[in-house]
Amino acid sequence: MEELIALLRDIKADVDFENCHTLIDEGLLDSFDILQIISTLNDHYDISIPPSFIIPENFNSADGMLKMITRLQQEG
């Protein structure tokens, strides 16, 4: 989780990724941020996030993103 938080902070330093669970719902991340996050996660974790996974549930929190990454790596 710490590694993911560090990656997310590099993209958007002013967001509390450790404690916020409404990143999308509260508008803390915009579409450009999401695209950057997707690209970073794809490259760093050697995954490919399909369009069907780009839903608020997977991006509202770092925990949601980590679960998505784990699921994609297992399906890999």
Protein backbone atom coordinates (compact mmCIF):
# COMPACT_ATOMS: atom_id res chain seq x y z
CA MET A 1 0.00 0.00 0.00
CA GLU A 2 2.84 2.42 0.80
CA GLU A 3 4.23 2.01 -2.71
CA LEU A 4 0.83 2.81 -4.22
CA ILE A 5 0.39 5.86 -1.99
CA ALA A 6 3.80 7.16 -3.09
CA LEU A 7 2.86 6.73 -6.76
CA LEU A 8 -0.44 8.53 -6.22
CA ARG A 9 1.24 11.39 -4.34
CA ASP A 10 3.58 11.88 -7.30
CA ILE A 11 0.50 12.46 -9.44
CA LYS A 12 -1.57 14.57 -7.04
CA ALA A 13 0.37 15.68 -3.96
CA ASP A 14 -2.42 17.65 -2.32
CA VAL A 15 -4.81 14.71 -1.85
CA ASP A 16 -4.96 12.53 1.28
CA PHE A 17 -4.86 9.16 -0.45
CA GLU A 18 -4.35 7.32 2.85
CA ASN A 19 -7.62 8.40 4.43
CA CYS A 20 -9.98 9.57 1.69
CA HIS A 21 -12.54 7.09 0.37
CA THR A 22 -14.46 9.51 -1.85
CA LEU A 23 -11.80 10.70 -4.30
CA ILE A 24 -14.16 10.57 -7.27
CA ASP A 25 -17.40 11.34 -5.44
CA GLU A 26 -15.97 14.57 -3.99
CA GLY A 27 -14.27 15.60 -7.22
CA LEU A 28 -10.77 15.42 -5.76
CA LEU A 29 -9.62 13.61 -8.89
CA ASP A 30 -10.62 14.80 -12.34
CA SER A 31 -10.55 12.85 -15.59
CA PHE A 32 -6.98 13.94 -16.35
CA ASP A 33 -5.85 12.69 -12.92
CA ILE A 34 -7.57 9.35 -13.54
CA LEU A 35 -5.82 8.99 -16.91
CA GLN A 36 -2.47 9.69 -15.25
CA ILE A 37 -3.22 7.19 -12.49
CA ILE A 38 -4.25 4.51 -15.00
CA SER A 39 -1.09 5.03 -17.05
CA THR A 40 1.12 4.95 -13.95
CA LEU A 41 -0.54 1.83 -12.53
CA ASN A 42 -0.38 0.04 -15.89
CA ASP A 43 3.33 0.75 -16.21
CA HIS A 44 4.37 0.23 -12.59
CA TYR A 45 2.38 -2.92 -11.88
CA ASP A 46 2.60 -4.36 -15.41
CA ILE A 47 -1.17 -4.57 -15.75
CA SER A 48 -3.69 -3.35 -18.29
CA ILE A 49 -6.73 -1.66 -16.79
CA PRO A 50 -9.65 -2.31 -19.15
CA PRO A 51 -12.35 0.36 -19.70
CA SER A 52 -14.86 -1.74 -17.76
CA PHE A 53 -12.70 -1.28 -14.63
CA ILE A 54 -12.74 2.52 -14.85
CA ILE A 55 -15.55 3.01 -12.37
CA PRO A 56 -15.72 5.11 -9.17
CA GLU A 57 -15.61 2.00 -6.96
CA ASN A 58 -12.08 1.24 -8.22
CA PHE A 59 -10.78 4.83 -7.95
CA ASN A 60 -12.56 6.34 -4.93
CA SER A 61 -9.75 5.23 -2.62
CA ALA A 62 -6.24 3.86 -2.61
CA ASP A 63 -7.71 0.69 -1.10
CA GLY A 64 -10.07 0.34 -4.07
CA MET A 65 -7.18 0.83 -6.48
CA LEU A 66 -5.06 -1.75 -4.67
CA LYS A 67 -7.90 -4.29 -4.82
CA MET A 68 -8.29 -3.61 -8.54
CA ILE A 69 -4.52 -4.02 -9.12
CA THR A 70 -4.50 -7.30 -7.18
CA ARG A 71 -7.50 -8.60 -9.14
CA LEU A 72 -5.88 -7.71 -12.47
CA GLN A 73 -2.57 -9.29 -11.48
CA GLN A 74 -4.31 -12.50 -10.46
CA GLU A 75 -6.26 -12.61 -13.72
CA GLY A 76 -3.07 -11.73 -15.62
